[in-house]
PDB file of N, CA and C in Angstrom:
ATOM      1  N   UNK A   1      25.842-117.023 -93.865  1.00  0.00           N
ATOM      2  CA  UNK A   1      25.232-115.882 -93.416  1.00  0.00           C
ATOM      3  C   UNK A   1      24.114-115.422 -94.287  1.00  0.00           C
ATOM      4  N   UNK A   2      23.043-115.045 -93.854  1.00  0.00           N
ATOM      5  CA  UNK A   2      21.914-114.710 -94.525  1.00  0.00           C
ATOM      6  C   UNK A   2      21.805-113.440 -94.663  1.00  0.00           C
ATOM      7  N   UNK A   3      21.441-112.610 -95.905  1.00  0.00           N
ATOM      8  CA  UNK A   3      21.662-111.378 -96.053  1.00  0.00           C
ATOM      9  C   UNK A   3      20.398-110.677 -95.375  1.00  0.00           C
ATOM     10  N   UNK A   4      20.439-109.547 -94.711  1.00  0.00           N
ATOM     11  CA  UNK A   4      19.408-108.750 -94.172  1.00  0.00           C
ATOM     12  C   UNK A   4      18.173-108.868 -94.760  1.00  0.00           C
ATOM     13  N   UNK A   5      18.040-108.552 -96.171  1.00  0.00           N
ATOM     14  CA  UNK A   5      16.555-108.347 -96.626  1.00  0.00           C
ATOM     15  C   UNK A   5      16.270-109.985 -97.051  1.00  0.00           C
ATOM     16  N   UNK A   6      16.835-111.279 -96.854  1.00  0.00           N
ATOM     17  CA  UNK A   6      16.265-112.411 -97.106  1.00  0.00           C
ATOM     18  C   UNK A   6      16.426-113.214 -95.728  1.00  0.00           C
ATOM     19  N   UNK A   7      15.557-114.019 -95.916  1.00  0.00           N
ATOM     20  CA  UNK A   7      15.420-115.054 -94.608  1.00  0.00           C
ATOM     21  C   UNK A   7      15.465-116.279 -95.083  1.00  0.00           C
ATOM     22  N   UNK A   8      16.042-117.336 -94.268  1.00  0.00           N
ATOM     23  CA  UNK A   8      16.043-118.502 -94.447  1.00  0.00           C
ATOM     24  C   UNK A   8      14.791-119.359 -94.220  1.00  0.00           C
ATOM     25  N   UNK A   9      13.678-118.351 -93.477  1.00  0.00           N
ATOM     26  CA  UNK A   9      12.427-118.979 -92.949  1.00  0.00           C
ATOM     27  C   UNK A   9      11.512-119.429 -94.289  1.00  0.00           C
ATOM     28  N   UNK A  10      11.915-118.843 -95.460  1.00  0.00           N
ATOM     29  CA  UNK A  10      11.286-119.233 -96.714  1.00  0.00           C
ATOM     30  C   UNK A  10      11.448-120.728 -97.233  1.00  0.00           C
ATOM     31  N   UNK A  11      12.334-121.298 -96.677  1.00  0.00           N
ATOM     32  CA  UNK A  11      12.988-122.556 -96.876  1.00  0.00           C
ATOM     33  C   UNK A  11      12.388-123.715 -96.228  1.00  0.00           C
ATOM     34  N   UNK A  12      11.566-124.549 -96.129  1.00  0.00           N
ATOM     35  CA  UNK A  12      11.141-125.383 -95.358  1.00  0.00           C
ATOM     36  C   UNK A  12      12.100-126.775 -95.722  1.00  0.00           C
ATOM     37  N   UNK A  13      11.839-127.586 -94.735  1.00  0.00           N
ATOM     38  CA  UNK A  13      12.812-129.159 -94.710  1.00  0.00           C
ATOM     39  C   UNK A  13      12.477-129.791 -96.277  1.00  0.00           C
ATOM     40  N   UNK A  14      11.333-129.555 -96.761  1.00  0.00           N
ATOM     41  CA  UNK A  14      10.889-130.315 -98.264  1.00  0.00           C
ATOM     42  C   UNK A  14      11.258-129.854 -99.267  1.00  0.00           C
ATOM     43  N   UNK A  15      11.548-128.289 -98.844  1.00  0.00           N
ATOM     44  CA  UNK A  15      12.033-127.627-100.240  1.00  0.00           C
ATOM     45  C   UNK A  15      13.426-127.617-100.554  1.00  0.00           C
ATOM     46  N   UNK A  16      13.703-127.956-102.035  1.00  0.00           N
ATOM     47  CA  UNK A  16      14.964-128.399-102.384  1.00  0.00           C
ATOM     48  C   UNK A  16      15.717-126.997-103.044  1.00  0.00           C
ATOM     49  N   UNK A  17      16.833-126.432-102.727  1.00  0.00           N
ATOM     50  CA  UNK A  17      17.343-125.201-103.320  1.00  0.00           C
ATOM     51  C   UNK A  17      17.945-125.650-104.637  1.00  0.00           C
ATOM     52  N   UNK A  18      17.713-125.017-105.812  1.00  0.00           N
ATOM     53  CA  UNK A  18      18.277-125.397-106.976  1.00  0.00           C
ATOM     54  C   UNK A  18      18.844-124.332-107.806  1.00  0.00           C
ATOM     55  N   UNK A  19      19.634-124.371-108.696  1.00  0.00           N
ATOM     56  CA  UNK A  19      20.301-123.381-109.448  1.00  0.00           C
ATOM     57  C   UNK A  19      19.078-122.709-110.192  1.00  0.00           C
ATOM     58  N   UNK A  20      19.167-121.383-110.259  1.00  0.00           N
ATOM     59  CA  UNK A  20      18.136-120.674-110.656  1.00  0.00           C
ATOM     60  C   UNK A  20      17.410-120.855-112.233  1.00  0.00           C
ATOM     61  N   UNK A  21      18.375-121.468-113.053  1.00  0.00           N
ATOM     62  CA  UNK A  21      17.841-121.768-114.584  1.00  0.00           C
ATOM     63  C   UNK A  21      16.842-123.057-114.232  1.00  0.00           C
ATOM     64  N   UNK A  22      17.617-124.246-113.418  1.00  0.00           N
ATOM     65  CA  UNK A  22      17.113-125.199-113.169  1.00  0.00           C
ATOM     66  C   UNK A  22      15.646-125.129-112.545  1.00  0.00           C
ATOM     67  N   UNK A  23      15.323-124.214-111.680  1.00  0.00           N
ATOM     68  CA  UNK A  23      14.424-124.263-110.811  1.00  0.00           C
ATOM     69  C   UNK A  23      13.265-123.803-111.892  1.00  0.00           C
ATOM     70  N   UNK A  24      13.672-122.599-112.718  1.00  0.00           N
ATOM     71  CA  UNK A  24      12.486-122.298-113.829  1.00  0.00           C
ATOM     72  C   UNK A  24      12.172-123.525-114.504  1.00  0.00           C
ATOM     73  N   UNK A  25      13.276-124.080-115.082  1.00  0.00           N
ATOM     74  CA  UNK A  25      12.777-125.291-115.944  1.00  0.00           C
ATOM     75  C   UNK A  25      11.833-126.323-115.291  1.00  0.00           C
ATOM     76  N   UNK A  26      12.123-126.601-114.214  1.00  0.00           N
ATOM     77  CA  UNK A  26      11.229-127.449-113.570  1.00  0.00           C
ATOM     78  C   UNK A  26       9.975-127.162-113.263  1.00  0.00           C
ATOM     79  N   UNK A  27       9.761-125.890-113.411  1.00  0.00           N
ATOM     80  CA  UNK A  27       8.289-125.233-113.185  1.00  0.00           C
ATOM     81  C   UNK A  27       7.645-124.780-114.388  1.00  0.00           C
ATOM     82  N   UNK A  28       8.360-124.483-115.119  1.00  0.00           N
ATOM     83  CA  UNK A  28       7.430-123.790-116.514  1.00  0.00           C
ATOM     84  C   UNK A  28       7.991-124.904-117.816  1.00  0.00           C
ATOM     85  N   UNK A  29       8.849-125.716-117.732  1.00  0.00           N
ATOM     86  CA  UNK A  29       9.621-126.605-118.977  1.00  0.00           C
ATOM     87  C   UNK A  29      10.374-125.748-119.880  1.00  0.00           C
ATOM     88  N   UNK A  30      10.762-124.332-119.501  1.00  0.00           N
ATOM     89  CA  UNK A  30      11.436-123.628-120.192  1.00  0.00           C
ATOM     90  C   UNK A  30      12.649-123.447-119.562  1.00  0.00           C
ATOM     91  N   UNK A  31      13.848-123.106-120.556  1.00  0.00           N
ATOM     92  CA  UNK A  31      15.057-122.796-119.874  1.00  0.00           C
ATOM     93  C   UNK A  31      15.573-121.470-120.400  1.00  0.00           C
ATOM     94  N   UNK A  32      15.096-120.308-119.519  1.00  0.00           N
ATOM     95  CA  UNK A  32      15.459-119.041-119.916  1.00  0.00           C
ATOM     96  C   UNK A  32      16.969-119.161-119.619  1.00  0.00           C
ATOM     97  N   UNK A  33      17.607-117.645-120.164  1.00  0.00           N
ATOM     98  CA  UNK A  33      18.886-117.260-120.241  1.00  0.00           C
ATOM     99  C   UNK A  33      19.237-117.215-118.732  1.00  0.00           C
ATOM    100  N   UNK A  34      20.495-117.290-118.113  1.00  0.00           N
ATOM    101  CA  UNK A  34      20.800-117.197-116.794  1.00  0.00           C
ATOM    102  C   UNK A  34      20.512-115.608-116.414  1.00  0.00           C
ATOM    103  N   UNK A  35      21.126-115.038-117.239  1.00  0.00           N
ATOM    104  CA  UNK A  35      20.842-113.205-117.208  1.00  0.00           C
ATOM    105  C   UNK A  35      19.378-112.928-116.814  1.00  0.00           C
ATOM    106  N   UNK A  36      18.308-113.577-117.556  1.00  0.00           N
ATOM    107  CA  UNK A  36      17.020-113.074-117.539  1.00  0.00           C
ATOM    108  C   UNK A  36      16.575-113.333-115.806  1.00  0.00           C
ATOM    109  N   UNK A  37      17.090-114.877-115.485  1.00  0.00           N
ATOM    110  CA  UNK A  37      16.522-115.066-113.993  1.00  0.00           C
ATOM    111  C   UNK A  37      17.254-114.354-113.020  1.00  0.00           C
ATOM    112  N   UNK A  38      18.539-113.916-113.309  1.00  0.00           N
ATOM    113  CA  UNK A  38      19.219-113.022-112.435  1.00  0.00           C
ATOM    114  C   UNK A  38      18.711-111.572-112.253  1.00  0.00           C
ATOM    115  N   UNK A  39      18.027-111.166-113.489  1.00  0.00           N
ATOM    116  CA  UNK A  39      17.406-109.896-113.565  1.00  0.00           C
ATOM    117  C   UNK A  39      16.103-109.967-112.743  1.00  0.00           C
ATOM    118  N   UNK A  40      15.342-110.947-112.429  1.00  0.00           N
ATOM    119  CA  UNK A  40      14.359-111.155-111.788  1.00  0.00           C
ATOM    120  C   UNK A  40      14.713-111.316-110.456  1.00  0.00           C
ATOM    121  N   UNK A  41      15.630-111.835-109.985  1.00  0.00           N
ATOM    122  CA  UNK A  41      16.129-111.719-108.567  1.00  0.00           C
ATOM    123  C   UNK A  41      16.689-110.462-108.359  1.00  0.00           C
ATOM    124  N   UNK A  42      17.452-109.654-109.116  1.00  0.00           N
ATOM    125  CA  UNK A  42      18.102-108.508-108.309  1.00  0.00           C
ATOM    126  C   UNK A  42      17.367-107.188-108.515  1.00  0.00           C
ATOM    127  N   UNK A  43      16.491-106.916-109.263  1.00  0.00           N
ATOM    128  CA  UNK A  43      15.727-105.826-109.088  1.00  0.00           C
ATOM    129  C   UNK A  43      14.274-106.304-109.641  1.00  0.00           C
ATOM    130  N   UNK A  44      13.169-105.346-108.754  1.00  0.00           N
ATOM    131  CA  UNK A  44      11.648-105.897-109.236  1.00  0.00           C
ATOM    132  C   UNK A  44      11.485-105.401-110.470  1.00  0.00           C
ATOM    133  N   UNK A  45      10.407-106.338-110.945  1.00  0.00           N
ATOM    134  CA  UNK A  45       9.746-105.856-112.650  1.00  0.00           C
ATOM    135  C   UNK A  45       8.967-104.699-112.419  1.00  0.00           C
ATOM    136  N   UNK A  46       8.659-104.645-113.539  1.00  0.00           N
ATOM    137  CA  UNK A  46       7.631-103.187-113.597  1.00  0.00           C
ATOM    138  C   UNK A  46       6.492-103.353-112.718  1.00  0.00           C
ATOM    139  N   UNK A  47       6.153-104.733-112.068  1.00  0.00           N
ATOM    140  CA  UNK A  47       4.958-104.785-111.176  1.00  0.00           C
ATOM    141  C   UNK A  47       5.630-104.829-109.848  1.00  0.00           C
ATOM    142  N   UNK A  48       6.671-104.703-109.524  1.00  0.00           N
ATOM    143  CA  UNK A  48       7.391-104.534-107.954  1.00  0.00           C
ATOM    144  C   UNK A  48       7.627-105.983-107.347  1.00  0.00           C
ATOM    145  N   UNK A  49       7.730-107.065-108.343  1.00  0.00           N
ATOM    146  CA  UNK A  49       7.572-108.602-108.096  1.00  0.00           C
ATOM    147  C   UNK A  49       9.585-108.989-108.239  1.00  0.00           C
ATOM    148  N   UNK A  50       9.704-109.675-107.299  1.00  0.00           N
ATOM    149  CA  UNK A  50      11.275-110.098-107.236  1.00  0.00           C
ATOM    150  C   UNK A  50      11.144-111.548-106.955  1.00  0.00           C
ATOM    151  N   UNK A  51      12.090-112.244-107.578  1.00  0.00           N
ATOM    152  CA  UNK A  51      12.038-113.899-107.347  1.00  0.00           C
ATOM    153  C   UNK A  51      13.074-113.979-106.060  1.00  0.00           C
ATOM    154  N   UNK A  52      12.739-114.468-105.052  1.00  0.00           N
ATOM    155  CA  UNK A  52      13.283-114.691-103.961  1.00  0.00           C
ATOM    156  C   UNK A  52      14.458-115.899-104.061  1.00  0.00           C
ATOM    157  N   UNK A  53      15.602-115.546-103.687  1.00  0.00           N
ATOM    158  CA  UNK A  53      16.824-116.304-104.051  1.00  0.00           C
ATOM    159  C   UNK A  53      17.594-116.399-102.721  1.00  0.00           C
ATOM    160  N   UNK A  54      18.428-117.389-102.535  1.00  0.00           N
ATOM    161  CA  UNK A  54      19.357-117.362-101.414  1.00  0.00           C
ATOM    162  C   UNK A  54      20.809-117.520-102.335  1.00  0.00           C
ATOM    163  N   UNK A  55      21.713-117.101-101.368  1.00  0.00           N
ATOM    164  CA  UNK A  55      23.184-117.217-101.703  1.00  0.00           C
ATOM    165  C   UNK A  55      23.590-118.435-100.782  1.00  0.00           C
ATOM    166  N   UNK A  56      24.219-119.278-101.493  1.00  0.00           N
ATOM    167  CA  UNK A  56      25.172-120.627-100.721  1.00  0.00           C
ATOM    168  C   UNK A  56      26.237-121.021-101.321  1.00  0.00           C
ATOM    169  N   UNK A  57      27.457-120.905-100.495  1.00  0.00           N
ATOM    170  CA  UNK A  57      28.604-121.099-101.155  1.00  0.00           C
ATOM    171  C   UNK A  57      29.077-120.206-102.445  1.00  0.00           C
ATOM    172  N   UNK A  58      28.594-119.222-102.444  1.00  0.00           N
ATOM    173  CA  UNK A  58      28.984-118.304-103.583  1.00  0.00           C
ATOM    174  C   UNK A  58      28.084-118.672-104.953  1.00  0.00           C
ATOM    175  N   UNK A  59      26.896-119.398-104.757  1.00  0.00           N
ATOM    176  CA  UNK A  59      26.064-119.692-105.692  1.00  0.00           C
ATOM    177  C   UNK A  59      24.747-118.958-105.604  1.00  0.00           C
ATOM    178  N   UNK A  60      23.768-118.565-106.505  1.00  0.00           N
ATOM    179  CA  UNK A  60      22.810-118.197-106.249  1.00  0.00           C
ATOM    180  C   UNK A  60      21.794-119.149-106.364  1.00  0.00           C
ATOM    181  N   UNK A  61      20.807-119.497-105.549  1.00  0.00           N
ATOM    182  CA  UNK A  61      19.923-120.659-105.657  1.00  0.00           C
ATOM    183  C   UNK A  61      18.446-120.337-105.206  1.00  0.00           C
ATOM    184  N   UNK A  62      17.492-121.048-106.058  1.00  0.00           N
ATOM    185  CA  UNK A  62      16.288-120.638-105.623  1.00  0.00           C
ATOM    186  C   UNK A  62      15.156-122.092-105.434  1.00  0.00           C
ATOM    187  N   UNK A  63      14.150-121.889-105.115  1.00  0.00           N
ATOM    188  CA  UNK A  63      13.327-123.087-104.981  1.00  0.00           C
ATOM    189  C   UNK A  63      12.225-123.029-106.261  1.00  0.00           C
ATOM    190  N   UNK A  64      11.802-124.234-106.450  1.00  0.00           N
ATOM    191  CA  UNK A  64      10.579-124.173-107.460  1.00  0.00           C
ATOM    192  C   UNK A  64       9.268-123.530-107.197  1.00  0.00           C
ATOM    193  N   UNK A  65       8.949-123.651-105.573  1.00  0.00           N
ATOM    194  CA  UNK A  65       8.096-122.800-105.214  1.00  0.00           C
ATOM    195  C   UNK A  65       8.087-121.178-105.079  1.00  0.00           C
ATOM    196  N   UNK A  66       9.372-120.761-105.030  1.00  0.00           N
ATOM    197  CA  UNK A  66       9.618-119.319-105.026  1.00  0.00           C
ATOM    198  C   UNK A  66       9.522-118.895-106.816  1.00  0.00           C
ATOM    199  N   UNK A  67       9.932-119.703-107.449  1.00  0.00           N
ATOM    200  CA  UNK A  67       9.667-119.515-109.033  1.00  0.00           C
ATOM    201  C   UNK A  67       8.200-119.423-109.298  1.00  0.00           C
ATOM    202  N   UNK A  68       7.250-120.272-108.465  1.00  0.00           N
ATOM    203  CA  UNK A  68       5.885-120.406-108.802  1.00  0.00           C
ATOM    204  C   UNK A  68       5.116-119.122-108.186  1.00  0.00           C
ATOM    205  N   UNK A  69       5.799-118.696-107.116  1.00  0.00           N
ATOM    206  CA  UNK A  69       5.130-117.690-106.174  1.00  0.00           C
ATOM    207  C   UNK A  69       5.463-116.147-107.278  1.00  0.00           C
ATOM    208  N   UNK A  70       6.892-116.131-107.574  1.00  0.00           N
ATOM    209  CA  UNK A  70       6.904-115.180-108.665  1.00  0.00           C
ATOM    210  C   UNK A  70       6.124-115.076-109.673  1.00  0.00           C
ATOM    211  N   UNK A  71       5.814-116.153-110.345  1.00  0.00           N
ATOM    212  CA  UNK A  71       5.124-116.292-111.560  1.00  0.00           C
ATOM    213  C   UNK A  71       3.627-115.695-111.362  1.00  0.00           C
ATOM    214  N   UNK A  72       3.105-116.429-110.344  1.00  0.00           N
ATOM    215  CA  UNK A  72       1.897-116.073-109.794  1.00  0.00           C
ATOM    216  C   UNK A  72       1.593-114.633-109.463  1.00  0.00           C
ATOM    217  N   UNK A  73       2.705-113.843-108.676  1.00  0.00           N
ATOM    218  CA  UNK A  73       2.592-112.632-108.267  1.00  0.00           C
ATOM    219  C   UNK A  73       2.585-111.652-109.732  1.00  0.00           C
ATOM    220  N   UNK A  74       3.677-111.812-110.529  1.00  0.00           N
ATOM    221  CA  UNK A  74       3.630-111.192-111.634  1.00  0.00           C
ATOM    222  C   UNK A  74       2.471-111.084-112.455  1.00  0.00           C
ATOM    223  N   UNK A  75       2.096-112.561-112.587  1.00  0.00           N
ATOM    224  CA  UNK A  75       0.696-112.497-113.361  1.00  0.00           C
ATOM    225  C   UNK A  75      -0.664-111.688-112.864  1.00  0.00           C
ATOM    226  N   UNK A  76      -0.558-111.855-111.410  1.00  0.00           N
ATOM    227  CA  UNK A  76      -1.944-111.138-110.839  1.00  0.00           C
ATOM    228  C   UNK A  76      -1.422-109.580-110.850  1.00  0.00           C
ATOM    229  N   UNK A  77      -0.458-109.282-110.756  1.00  0.00           N
ATOM    230  CA  UNK A  77      -0.272-107.809-110.716  1.00  0.00           C
ATOM    231  C   UNK A  77      -0.530-107.368-112.453  1.00  0.00           C
ATOM    232  N   UNK A  78      -0.309-108.035-113.377  1.00  0.00           N
ATOM    233  CA  UNK A  78      -0.160-107.662-114.602  1.00  0.00           C
ATOM    234  C   UNK A  78      -1.599-107.775-115.060  1.00  0.00           C
ATOM    235  N   UNK A  79      -2.304-108.536-114.764  1.00  0.00           N
ATOM    236  CA  UNK A  79      -3.894-108.773-115.120  1.00  0.00           C
ATOM    237  C   UNK A  79      -4.723-107.849-114.312  1.00  0.00           C
ATOM    238  N   UNK A  80      -5.449-106.750-115.111  1.00  0.00           N
ATOM    239  CA  UNK A  80      -6.274-105.963-114.215  1.00  0.00           C
ATOM    240  C   UNK A  80      -7.504-106.611-113.799  1.00  0.00           C
ATOM    241  N   UNK A  81      -7.903-107.708-114.452  1.00  0.00           N
ATOM    242  CA  UNK A  81      -8.854-108.492-113.943  1.00  0.00           C
ATOM    243  C   UNK A  81      -9.671-108.622-115.261  1.00  0.00           C
ATOM    244  N   UNK A  82     -11.110-109.574-115.010  1.00  0.00           N
ATOM    245  CA  UNK A  82     -11.814-109.699-116.074  1.00  0.00           C
ATOM    246  C   UNK A  82     -12.717-108.554-116.594  1.00  0.00           C
ATOM    247  N   UNK A  83     -12.695-108.010-117.611  1.00  0.00           N
ATOM    248  CA  UNK A  83     -13.575-106.972-118.288  1.00  0.00           C
ATOM    249  C   UNK A  83     -15.184-107.466-118.109  1.00  0.00           C
ATOM    250  N   UNK A  84     -15.903-106.583-117.748  1.00  0.00           N
ATOM    251  CA  UNK A  84     -17.231-107.070-117.937  1.00  0.00           C
ATOM    252  C   UNK A  84     -17.748-107.419-118.981  1.00  0.00           C
ATOM    253  N   UNK A  85     -18.580-108.257-119.339  1.00  0.00           N
ATOM    254  CA  UNK A  85     -18.991-108.655-120.497  1.00  0.00           C
ATOM    255  C   UNK A  85     -20.519-108.566-120.559  1.00  0.00           C
ATOM    256  N   UNK A  86     -21.109-107.730-121.562  1.00  0.00           N
ATOM    257  CA  UNK A  86     -22.681-107.630-121.585  1.00  0.00           C
ATOM    258  C   UNK A  86     -23.157-108.774-122.356  1.00  0.00           C
ATOM    259  N   UNK A  87     -24.432-109.086-121.465  1.00  0.00           N
ATOM    260  CA  UNK A  87     -24.996-110.351-122.406  1.00  0.00           C
ATOM    261  C   UNK A  87     -25.667-109.929-123.583  1.00  0.00           C
ATOM    262  N   UNK A  88     -26.248-110.788-124.460  1.00  0.00           N
ATOM    263  CA  UNK A  88     -26.882-110.470-125.673  1.00  0.00           C
ATOM    264  C   UNK A  88     -28.027-109.494-125.380  1.00  0.00           C
ATOM    265  N   UNK A  89     -28.765-109.994-124.319  1.00  0.00           N
ATOM    266  CA  UNK A  89     -30.135-109.295-123.795  1.00  0.00           C
ATOM    267  C   UNK A  89     -29.856-107.631-123.666  1.00  0.00           C
ATOM    268  N   UNK A  90     -28.468-107.738-123.105  1.00  0.00           N
ATOM    269  CA  UNK A  90     -28.086-106.140-122.608  1.00  0.00           C
ATOM    270  C   UNK A  90     -27.757-105.302-123.717  1.00  0.00           C
ATOM    271  N   UNK A  91     -27.081-106.007-124.371  1.00  0.00           N
ATOM    272  CA  UNK A  91     -26.775-105.418-126.071  1.00  0.00           C
ATOM    273  C   UNK A  91     -28.051-105.018-126.635  1.00  0.00           C
ATOM    274  N   UNK A  92     -28.860-105.985-126.921  1.00  0.00           N
ATOM    275  CA  UNK A  92     -30.200-105.502-127.717  1.00  0.00           C
ATOM    276  C   UNK A  92     -30.885-104.415-126.883  1.00  0.00           C
ATOM    277  N   UNK A  93     -30.884-104.394-125.620  1.00  0.00           N
ATOM    278  CA  UNK A  93     -31.450-103.474-124.786  1.00  0.00           C
ATOM    279  C   UNK A  93     -31.051-102.148-124.997  1.00  0.00           C
ATOM    280  N   UNK A  94     -29.655-102.009-124.862  1.00  0.00           N
ATOM    281  CA  UNK A  94     -28.686-100.607-125.013  1.00  0.00           C
ATOM    282  C   UNK A  94     -28.938-100.210-126.493  1.00  0.00           C
ATOM    283  N   UNK A  95     -29.050-101.115-127.587  1.00  0.00           N
ATOM    284  CA  UNK A  95     -29.071-100.816-128.833  1.00  0.00           C
ATOM    285  C   UNK A  95     -30.693-100.172-129.148  1.00  0.00           C
ATOM    286  N   UNK A  96     -31.494-100.750-128.538  1.00  0.00           N
ATOM    287  CA  UNK A  96     -33.171-100.153-128.660  1.00  0.00           C
ATOM    288  C   UNK A  96     -33.238 -98.657-128.107  1.00  0.00           C
ATOM    289  N   UNK A  97     -32.538 -98.470-126.666  1.00  0.00           N
ATOM    290  CA  UNK A  97     -32.486 -97.345-126.157  1.00  0.00           C
ATOM    291  C   UNK A  97     -31.862 -96.353-127.104  1.00  0.00           C
ATOM    292  N   UNK A  98     -30.620 -96.712-127.531  1.00  0.00           N
ATOM    293  CA  UNK A  98     -30.059 -95.681-128.619  1.00  0.00           C
ATOM    294  C   UNK A  98     -30.842 -95.518-129.747  1.00  0.00           C
ATOM    295  N   UNK A  99     -31.473 -96.241-130.256  1.00  0.00           N
ATOM    296  CA  UNK A  99     -32.339 -95.936-131.537  1.00  0.00           C
ATOM    297  C   UNK A  99     -33.413 -95.055-131.018  1.00  0.00           C
ATOM    298  N   UNK A 100     -34.093 -95.478-130.156  1.00  0.00           N
ATOM    299  CA  UNK A 100     -35.205 -94.526-129.607  1.00  0.00           C
ATOM    300  C   UNK A 100     -34.926 -93.034-129.378  1.00  0.00           C
ATOM    301  N   UNK A 101     -33.452 -92.977-128.781  1.00  0.00           N
ATOM    302  CA  UNK A 101     -32.698 -91.640-128.380  1.00  0.00           C
ATOM    303  C   UNK A 101     -32.562 -90.856-129.752  1.00  0.00           C
ATOM    304  N   UNK A 102     -32.028 -91.613-130.763  1.00  0.00           N
ATOM    305  CA  UNK A 102     -31.682 -90.980-132.088  1.00  0.00           C
ATOM    306  C   UNK A 102     -33.212 -90.450-132.591  1.00  0.00           C
ATOM    307  N   UNK A 103     -34.097 -91.435-132.712  1.00  0.00           N
ATOM    308  CA  UNK A 103     -35.216 -90.932-133.430  1.00  0.00           C
ATOM    309  C   UNK A 103     -36.177 -89.889-132.697  1.00  0.00           C
ATOM    310  N   UNK A 104     -35.903 -89.858-131.378  1.00  0.00           N
ATOM    311  CA  UNK A 104     -36.528 -88.787-130.495  1.00  0.00           C
ATOM    312  C   UNK A 104     -35.964 -87.471-130.945  1.00  0.00           C
ATOM    313  N   UNK A 105     -34.535 -87.408-131.238  1.00  0.00           N
ATOM    314  CA  UNK A 105     -33.861 -86.226-131.535  1.00  0.00           C
ATOM    315  C   UNK A 105     -33.958 -85.862-133.107  1.00  0.00           C
ATOM    316  N   UNK A 106     -34.607 -86.948-133.763  1.00  0.00           N
ATOM    317  CA  UNK A 106     -34.825 -86.686-135.164  1.00  0.00           C
ATOM    318  C   UNK A 106     -33.545 -87.005-135.903  1.00  0.00           C
ATOM    319  N   UNK A 107     -32.813 -87.904-135.871  1.00  0.00           N
ATOM    320  CA  UNK A 107     -31.774 -88.160-136.418  1.00  0.00           C
ATOM    321  C   UNK A 107     -31.733 -89.691-137.246  1.00  0.00           C
TER     322      UNK A 107
END
């Protein structure tokens, strides 16, 4: 039986269900503690992202694709975006304007 908030639609025939730590290891090459991955799946992180999992035969399983989606969603939510970078010409122009303003005010 599938829980009300989870659907088996997320699993297509080509996707393999794996134990939580194994799926993270296959995607990242790192083996986090089981408690860490369980936390990712049980409550949303500070960005509101949760790892999608399925309970099969008393075991909590996920896919490599679900891990990838979780990492991508967390990264996208955490990154505010690229900060605008001023070109050298823009910096020089701003410096000249500031110097002219200071001279105009007698400083």
